[in-house]
Amino acid sequence: QVQLVESGGGLAQPGGSLTLSCATSGFPFKSYRMSWYRQAPGKEREMVAMILSAGAPGKPNYAPSVKDRFTISRDNDKNTVHLQMSNLKPEDTAVYFCNVPTLKIWGQGTQVTVSS
């Protein structure tokens, strides 16, 4: 069984930082690209970042709204993907989901709230 468990969400001030983690199991993590999505109240689910499988050529992709502020990374020894979020804005408030695009598997989500 494929399992994705997000953690690290919480409350941050505008301009602050948070790091999300997604612990995975049940599939060969290194061979799959991983993504982070988010969904704010009243809005459509949005892809935030995507990282290629381990060893694959190319660079991560980011939504324009988060580029240069968010960084996606993966720890292939721990089967975990991270999303480092800096210079947070109120518009970043959303539930953030971990995703395995090829497998069409989603985590349960973790809430990020950016407010002063």
Protein backbone atom coordinates (compact mmCIF):
# COMPACT_ATOMS: atom_id res chain seq x y z
CA GLN A 1 0.00 0.00 0.00
CA VAL A 2 1.23 3.43 -0.93
CA GLN A 3 1.32 5.88 1.95
CA LEU A 4 1.99 9.61 1.91
CA VAL A 5 2.04 11.49 5.19
CA GLU A 6 2.50 15.25 5.19
CA SER A 7 3.72 17.19 8.18
CA GLY A 8 5.20 20.53 9.10
CA GLY A 9 2.25 22.79 8.50
CA GLY A 10 1.20 25.45 10.93
CA LEU A 11 1.00 29.17 11.46
CA ALA A 12 3.60 31.54 10.09
CA GLN A 13 3.85 35.29 9.90
CA PRO A 14 4.11 37.04 6.56
CA GLY A 15 7.74 36.92 5.55
CA GLY A 16 8.33 33.87 7.68
CA SER A 17 9.32 30.35 6.77
CA LEU A 18 8.03 26.82 7.09
CA THR A 19 9.28 23.48 5.86
CA LEU A 20 6.85 20.75 4.93
CA SER A 21 7.73 17.08 4.77
CA CYS A 22 6.09 14.14 3.07
CA ALA A 23 7.08 10.72 4.31
CA THR A 24 6.38 8.00 1.76
CA SER A 25 6.24 4.24 1.70
CA GLY A 26 4.95 1.40 -0.43
CA PHE A 27 6.61 2.24 -3.74
CA PRO A 28 10.13 2.68 -5.16
CA PHE A 29 10.47 6.30 -4.18
CA LYS A 30 13.68 6.99 -6.08
CA SER A 31 12.10 6.08 -9.40
CA TYR A 32 9.21 8.55 -9.16
CA ARG A 33 8.87 12.25 -9.55
CA MET A 34 7.12 13.96 -6.66
CA SER A 35 4.92 17.03 -6.45
CA TRP A 36 3.45 19.43 -3.94
CA TYR A 37 0.00 20.88 -4.52
CA ARG A 38 -2.07 23.27 -2.50
CA GLN A 39 -5.69 24.24 -2.28
CA ALA A 40 -6.93 27.43 -0.70
CA PRO A 41 -10.55 27.92 0.34
CA GLY A 42 -12.69 28.65 -2.69
CA LYS A 43 -9.87 28.02 -5.12
CA GLU A 44 -8.82 25.20 -7.39
CA ARG A 45 -6.02 22.87 -6.46
CA GLU A 46 -2.74 24.27 -7.70
CA MET A 47 0.57 22.60 -8.41
CA VAL A 48 3.24 24.30 -6.36
CA ALA A 49 6.38 22.36 -7.17
CA MET A 50 7.58 19.18 -8.83
CA ILE A 51 10.88 17.38 -8.55
CA LEU A 52 12.15 14.71 -10.91
CA SER A 53 13.06 11.19 -9.91
CA ALA A 54 16.45 10.55 -8.40
CA GLY A 55 19.23 10.86 -10.95
CA ALA A 56 17.00 12.18 -13.71
CA PRO A 57 18.28 15.17 -15.65
CA GLY A 58 16.50 18.44 -15.33
CA LYS A 59 15.52 20.87 -12.63
CA PRO A 60 12.47 21.20 -10.41
CA ASN A 61 9.42 23.07 -11.61
CA TYR A 62 7.60 25.74 -9.64
CA ALA A 63 4.42 27.69 -9.96
CA PRO A 64 5.18 31.32 -10.84
CA SER A 65 3.59 32.46 -7.61
CA VAL A 66 6.13 30.56 -5.49
CA LYS A 67 9.21 30.59 -7.67
CA ASP A 68 12.28 31.91 -5.83
CA ARG A 69 10.46 31.53 -2.52
CA PHE A 70 9.83 27.79 -2.29
CA THR A 71 12.30 24.96 -2.76
CA ILE A 72 11.39 21.34 -3.30
CA SER A 73 13.90 18.67 -2.39
CA ARG A 74 14.02 14.96 -1.73
CA ASP A 75 15.88 12.68 0.62
CA ASN A 76 16.10 9.40 -1.23
CA ASP A 77 17.58 7.60 1.76
CA LYS A 78 14.50 8.43 3.80
CA ASN A 79 11.92 8.29 1.01
CA THR A 80 10.88 11.80 1.91
CA VAL A 81 10.16 14.93 -0.09
CA HIS A 82 10.34 18.41 1.42
CA LEU A 83 9.03 21.82 0.57
CA GLN A 84 10.96 24.71 2.05
CA MET A 85 8.84 27.83 2.05
CA SER A 86 10.32 31.25 2.64
CA ASN A 87 9.04 34.80 2.48
CA LEU A 88 5.56 33.50 3.08
CA LYS A 89 2.58 35.54 2.06
CA PRO A 90 -1.04 35.42 3.20
CA GLU A 91 -1.87 34.13 -0.28
CA ASP A 92 0.12 31.00 0.53
CA THR A 93 -2.50 29.98 3.06
CA ALA A 94 -3.84 26.63 1.92
CA VAL A 95 -3.87 22.93 2.56
CA TYR A 96 -0.71 21.49 1.07
CA PHE A 97 -0.76 18.01 -0.43
CA CYS A 98 1.97 15.60 -1.37
CA ASN A 99 1.47 13.81 -4.67
CA VAL A 100 2.96 11.01 -6.72
CA PRO A 101 1.95 12.10 -10.23
CA THR A 102 2.47 8.80 -12.02
CA LEU A 103 0.64 6.81 -9.37
CA LYS A 104 -2.08 9.44 -8.90
CA ILE A 105 -1.70 9.13 -5.14
CA TRP A 106 -2.30 11.96 -2.70
CA GLY A 107 -1.52 12.54 0.92
CA GLN A 108 -4.05 13.78 3.44
CA GLY A 109 -2.72 17.33 3.43
CA THR A 110 -1.28 19.70 5.99
CA GLN A 111 -2.63 23.15 6.76
CA VAL A 112 -0.44 26.20 6.25
CA THR A 113 -1.74 29.50 7.54
CA VAL A 114 0.11 32.75 6.94
CA SER A 115 -1.23 35.57 9.04
CA SER A 116 -0.04 38.36 11.27
